[in-house]
Amino acid sequence: MFNKISMWFGNLSGPKKVAAVVVALATGVSAIVGAVNGSIALYEKLGERSRAANPLELVDVGFTQVRQKGDSFAAMDLKVANLGESPVIIERADMRVEKIWTFKAPYVSNPNEPCFGAGLPPSFNYDVKLPMPPSFNYDVKLPTKGAPYRVRTSLSQSIEPNGTDRFTITLQRKERTAKSGEDYVFLVMASLIYGVENNVVTSPDVLYGKNEVEGDGAPYSYDRGGGCYVPKEGIDRITRQNKRAVAEIRRIEAPRNEALEDLLQKVS
């Protein structure tokens, strides 16, 4: 075929060769433009179908405080938007704990100098006013061992077409898996499952932790507390491990609750 076209082109006169080249170029450009336009149209149709099939968008993830029974707890703050034309119902959240860091308090209470209130952690301003209050709060207890693992939590969040919603998931450690004199930091992500086809939208990683070792009259502390606490056996090893964990956590860029920052500063 190529030889025939070459022979035909060679038999043409000069002007006809020029005309043939112009026509060939125009035809090629038209074909290319047509192919590009077709690809763009196909991409737009696929995008529309994708939005129709997976209309839920996770707009923002952070932390806030939720009051329960007179106390305040850190909670993942999730803001979502329904970009589709039908209501969306979020039925479940899979909380995946990817890593856990354990901090051990290197000091124990001094039996000769019992001090009450020495280890009381600082208070925080938990009365933050936000423009859109959460529609509901859910509770999740995180085991302190065995990462990576998942904790499934049933939800019931309905979002109208082209609507938005904000809800929270309170995070707490599972007390029966915690050891006395230890604090824990969790690297967590949340996957929201919604729709009849169990579509999934996943949050970025967040960091959660809290200084629960210290408190009014607590038997453990991260420092001497003015003589109220004495070093534990193996304090140098414990301190090195704690500082290494702090360095690892600080290298991770992720939303974190306010009490975690207090814990990191205390351990440092």
Protein backbone atom coordinates (compact mmCIF):
# COMPACT_ATOMS: atom_id res chain seq x y z
CA MET A 1 0.00 0.00 0.00
CA PHE A 2 2.80 2.42 0.92
CA ASN A 3 4.59 1.68 -2.41
CA LYS A 4 1.42 2.41 -4.39
CA ILE A 5 0.90 5.72 -2.64
CA SER A 6 4.57 6.62 -3.20
CA MET A 7 4.34 5.84 -6.95
CA TRP A 8 1.10 7.80 -7.26
CA PHE A 9 2.61 10.81 -5.47
CA GLY A 10 5.75 10.63 -7.63
CA ASN A 11 3.73 10.80 -10.87
CA LEU A 12 2.01 14.04 -9.82
CA SER A 13 3.14 17.40 -11.14
CA GLY A 14 4.68 20.01 -8.83
CA PRO A 15 1.48 22.02 -8.16
CA LYS A 16 -0.52 18.85 -7.67
CA LYS A 17 2.04 17.55 -5.17
CA VAL A 18 1.67 20.77 -3.15
CA ALA A 19 -2.10 20.48 -3.24
CA ALA A 20 -1.92 16.83 -2.21
CA VAL A 21 0.31 17.70 0.74
CA VAL A 22 -2.04 20.50 1.89
CA VAL A 23 -5.07 18.22 1.66
CA ALA A 24 -3.25 15.43 3.52
CA LEU A 25 -2.18 17.80 6.28
CA ALA A 26 -5.66 19.27 6.62
CA THR A 27 -7.17 15.80 6.75
CA GLY A 28 -4.62 14.71 9.38
CA VAL A 29 -5.18 17.79 11.54
CA SER A 30 -8.93 17.32 11.32
CA ALA A 31 -8.55 13.72 12.35
CA ILE A 32 -6.33 14.69 15.29
CA VAL A 33 -8.69 17.47 16.40
CA GLY A 34 -11.62 15.12 16.10
CA ALA A 35 -9.86 12.49 18.15
CA VAL A 36 -8.94 15.04 20.85
CA ASN A 37 -12.46 16.42 21.01
CA GLY A 38 -13.81 12.90 21.23
CA SER A 39 -11.43 12.09 24.07
CA ILE A 40 -12.44 15.24 25.97
CA ALA A 41 -16.12 14.42 25.56
CA LEU A 42 -15.50 10.84 26.73
CA TYR A 43 -13.52 12.11 29.75
CA GLU A 44 -16.33 14.48 30.71
CA LYS A 45 -18.91 11.71 30.42
CA LEU A 46 -16.79 9.39 32.54
CA GLY A 47 -16.35 12.18 35.12
CA GLU A 48 -20.12 12.72 35.27
CA ARG A 49 -20.69 8.99 35.68
CA SER A 50 -18.03 8.83 38.40
CA ARG A 51 -19.64 11.70 40.32
CA ALA A 52 -23.04 10.07 39.95
CA ALA A 53 -21.69 6.74 41.24
CA ASN A 54 -19.55 8.28 44.02
CA PRO A 55 -21.12 11.63 44.89
CA LEU A 56 -19.80 11.93 48.46
CA GLU A 57 -16.83 14.26 48.99
CA LEU A 58 -14.89 14.59 52.24
CA VAL A 59 -14.45 18.37 52.45
CA ASP A 60 -12.41 18.65 55.66
CA VAL A 61 -11.08 16.55 58.55
CA GLY A 62 -9.80 17.92 61.85
CA PHE A 63 -10.38 17.78 65.60
CA THR A 64 -12.81 19.40 67.96
CA GLN A 65 -14.00 18.79 71.53
CA VAL A 66 -17.29 17.09 72.42
CA ARG A 67 -18.84 17.33 75.87
CA GLN A 68 -20.36 14.20 77.36
CA LYS A 69 -21.59 13.73 80.94
CA GLY A 70 -19.77 16.81 82.16
CA ASP A 71 -16.44 15.88 80.58
CA SER A 72 -14.77 16.85 77.30
CA PHE A 73 -13.38 14.44 74.73
CA ALA A 74 -11.37 14.84 71.52
CA ALA A 75 -13.36 13.99 68.40
CA MET A 76 -12.59 13.69 64.71
CA ASP A 77 -14.46 16.52 62.98
CA LEU A 78 -15.74 15.38 59.56
CA LYS A 79 -17.33 17.71 56.99
CA VAL A 80 -18.86 16.05 53.92
CA ALA A 81 -20.72 17.17 50.81
CA ASN A 82 -23.15 15.31 48.56
CA LEU A 83 -22.40 16.32 44.96
CA GLY A 84 -25.06 14.02 43.51
CA GLU A 85 -28.75 14.41 42.70
CA SER A 86 -29.98 11.78 45.18
CA PRO A 87 -29.76 11.55 48.97
CA VAL A 88 -26.70 9.80 50.42
CA ILE A 89 -26.79 7.72 53.60
CA ILE A 90 -23.49 7.00 55.38
CA GLU A 91 -23.98 3.68 57.12
CA ARG A 92 -20.59 2.85 58.58
CA ALA A 93 -17.16 4.16 59.52
CA ASP A 94 -14.15 1.88 59.47
CA MET A 95 -11.51 3.35 61.78
CA ARG A 96 -8.12 1.96 60.77
CA VAL A 97 -5.39 2.35 63.38
CA GLU A 98 -2.15 2.12 61.42
CA LYS A 99 0.33 2.61 64.25
CA ILE A 100 0.45 3.08 68.03
CA TRP A 101 3.22 4.69 70.05
CA THR A 102 3.46 3.87 73.75
CA PHE A 103 4.83 6.34 76.31
CA LYS A 104 5.87 5.09 79.75
CA ALA A 105 5.98 7.48 82.68
CA PRO A 106 9.57 7.39 84.02
CA TYR A 107 8.67 8.57 87.54
CA VAL A 108 6.54 7.09 90.31
CA SER A 109 5.08 8.78 93.36
CA ASN A 110 7.47 9.34 96.24
CA PRO A 111 6.14 7.49 99.30
CA ASN A 112 7.98 9.94 101.53
CA GLU A 113 6.58 13.05 99.78
CA PRO A 114 2.95 12.37 98.79
CA CYS A 115 1.79 15.35 96.73
CA PHE A 116 -1.75 15.75 95.48
CA GLY A 117 -2.46 17.82 92.39
CA ALA A 118 1.20 17.95 91.33
CA GLY A 119 0.56 16.05 88.13
CA LEU A 120 -2.65 17.74 87.10
CA PRO A 121 -2.39 18.51 83.34
CA PRO A 122 -3.26 22.00 82.10
CA SER A 123 -6.81 22.77 81.08
CA PHE A 124 -7.81 23.75 77.55
CA ASN A 125 -10.39 26.04 76.10
CA TYR A 126 -12.88 23.50 74.82
CA ASP A 127 -15.72 25.96 74.26
CA VAL A 128 -14.84 26.63 70.63
CA LYS A 129 -17.76 28.05 68.68
CA LEU A 130 -18.01 26.80 65.12
CA PRO A 131 -20.43 28.13 62.47
CA MET A 132 -21.99 24.74 61.70
CA PRO A 133 -22.70 22.53 64.75
CA PRO A 134 -22.26 18.78 64.26
CA SER A 135 -25.46 16.88 63.49
CA PHE A 136 -24.41 13.89 65.61
CA ASN A 137 -21.51 12.38 67.54
CA TYR A 138 -20.38 8.75 67.54
CA ASP A 139 -18.04 7.04 70.02
CA VAL A 140 -15.11 4.78 69.21
CA LYS A 141 -12.87 2.94 71.69
CA LEU A 142 -9.39 2.16 70.35
CA PRO A 143 -7.45 -0.88 71.66
CA THR A 144 -3.94 0.08 72.72
CA LYS A 145 -2.30 -3.00 71.16
CA GLY A 146 -2.35 -4.95 67.90
CA ALA A 147 -1.98 -2.24 65.22
CA PRO A 148 -2.71 -2.25 62.38
CA TYR A 149 -6.37 -3.05 62.99
CA ARG A 150 -9.87 -1.78 62.16
CA VAL A 151 -12.75 -0.77 64.41
CA ARG A 152 -16.14 -0.68 62.69
CA THR A 153 -18.76 1.82 63.86
CA SER A 154 -22.35 1.98 62.62
CA LEU A 155 -23.47 5.42 61.43
CA SER A 156 -26.74 6.88 60.22
CA GLN A 157 -25.99 10.15 58.42
CA SER A 158 -28.33 11.25 55.63
CA ILE A 159 -27.20 14.05 53.30
CA GLU A 160 -29.59 15.70 50.87
CA PRO A 161 -28.70 16.25 47.19
CA ASN A 162 -26.19 19.10 46.86
CA GLY A 163 -26.17 19.29 50.65
CA THR A 164 -23.48 19.27 53.33
CA ASP A 165 -23.15 17.75 56.76
CA ARG A 166 -20.78 17.83 59.74
CA PHE A 167 -20.54 15.07 62.31
CA THR A 168 -17.97 13.94 64.88
CA ILE A 169 -16.44 10.67 66.04
CA THR A 170 -15.15 10.75 69.61
CA LEU A 171 -11.88 8.85 70.08
CA GLN A 172 -10.90 7.23 73.36
CA ARG A 173 -8.52 4.47 74.33
CA LYS A 174 -10.00 1.14 75.35
CA GLU A 175 -9.27 1.13 79.07
CA ARG A 176 -9.17 -2.63 79.56
CA THR A 177 -6.25 -2.86 77.08
CA ALA A 178 -4.30 0.03 78.67
CA LYS A 179 -1.57 -0.45 81.27
CA SER A 180 -1.10 1.68 84.36
CA GLY A 181 1.54 4.35 83.86
CA GLU A 182 1.33 4.34 80.04
CA ASP A 183 -0.05 6.79 77.46
CA TYR A 184 -0.74 6.02 73.80
CA VAL A 185 -0.73 7.90 70.51
CA PHE A 186 -2.75 6.53 67.59
CA LEU A 187 -2.29 7.12 63.85
CA VAL A 188 -5.84 6.77 62.49
CA MET A 189 -7.77 7.12 59.25
CA ALA A 190 -11.53 6.85 58.74
CA SER A 191 -13.27 5.22 55.78
CA LEU A 192 -16.92 6.21 55.34
CA ILE A 193 -19.11 3.56 53.68
CA TYR A 194 -22.30 4.72 51.99
CA GLY A 195 -24.88 3.83 49.32
CA VAL A 196 -26.30 0.51 48.15
CA GLU A 197 -23.01 -0.33 46.44
CA ASN A 198 -20.99 0.31 49.61
CA ASN A 199 -19.01 3.17 48.10
CA VAL A 200 -16.06 4.40 50.18
CA VAL A 201 -14.48 7.77 50.86
CA THR A 202 -11.37 7.78 53.06
CA SER A 203 -9.96 10.52 55.26
CA PRO A 204 -6.29 11.46 55.52
CA ASP A 205 -4.37 10.26 58.57
CA VAL A 206 -4.94 11.97 61.92
CA LEU A 207 -3.01 11.70 65.18
CA TYR A 208 -4.80 11.20 68.50
CA GLY A 209 -3.35 11.01 72.00
CA LYS A 210 -3.84 12.29 75.53
CA ASN A 211 -1.87 12.64 78.76
CA GLU A 212 -3.83 10.26 81.00
CA VAL A 213 -0.91 9.14 83.15
CA GLU A 214 -0.85 12.33 85.19
CA GLY A 215 -3.64 13.79 87.25
CA ASP A 216 -4.60 14.82 90.76
CA GLY A 217 -2.75 12.41 93.04
CA ALA A 218 -1.69 10.13 90.15
CA PRO A 219 0.97 7.53 91.01
CA TYR A 220 2.98 8.27 87.84
CA SER A 221 4.52 11.33 86.19
CA TYR A 222 6.79 12.42 83.34
CA ASP A 223 8.88 14.59 85.68
CA ARG A 224 9.84 14.88 89.33
CA GLY A 225 6.93 17.15 90.18
CA GLY A 226 8.93 19.16 92.70
CA GLY A 227 10.07 16.07 94.57
CA CYS A 228 6.69 14.37 94.60
CA TYR A 229 7.99 11.64 92.25
CA VAL A 230 11.14 9.53 92.11
CA PRO A 231 12.79 7.81 89.09
CA LYS A 232 11.68 4.33 88.11
CA GLU A 233 14.16 1.54 87.49
CA GLY A 234 15.51 1.81 83.93
CA ILE A 235 14.65 5.50 83.63
CA ASP A 236 17.38 6.17 81.03
CA ARG A 237 16.04 3.48 78.69
CA ILE A 238 12.43 4.65 79.19
CA THR A 239 13.39 8.28 78.51
CA ARG A 240 15.23 7.36 75.29
CA GLN A 241 12.27 5.35 74.02
CA ASN A 242 9.85 8.17 74.81
CA LYS A 243 11.96 10.80 73.05
CA ARG A 244 12.41 8.56 70.00
CA ALA A 245 8.62 8.15 69.76
CA VAL A 246 8.11 11.92 70.09
CA ALA A 247 10.55 12.53 67.22
CA GLU A 248 8.71 10.03 64.98
CA ILE A 249 5.32 11.57 65.71
CA ARG A 250 6.52 15.14 65.11
CA ARG A 251 7.74 14.15 61.64
CA ILE A 252 4.21 13.19 60.61
CA GLU A 253 2.17 16.00 59.05
CA ALA A 254 -1.40 15.25 60.08
CA PRO A 255 -4.23 16.90 62.04
CA ARG A 256 -3.87 16.25 65.78
CA ASN A 257 -5.93 16.97 68.88
CA GLU A 258 -4.82 19.67 71.27
CA ALA A 259 -4.22 17.32 74.21
CA LEU A 260 -1.74 15.34 72.09
CA GLU A 261 0.46 18.41 71.74
CA ASP A 262 0.42 18.78 75.53
CA LEU A 263 1.51 15.15 75.89
CA LEU A 264 4.38 15.56 73.41
CA GLN A 265 5.62 18.70 75.17
CA LYS A 266 5.41 16.97 78.54
CA VAL A 267 7.34 13.91 77.39
CA SER A 268 9.95 16.05 75.62
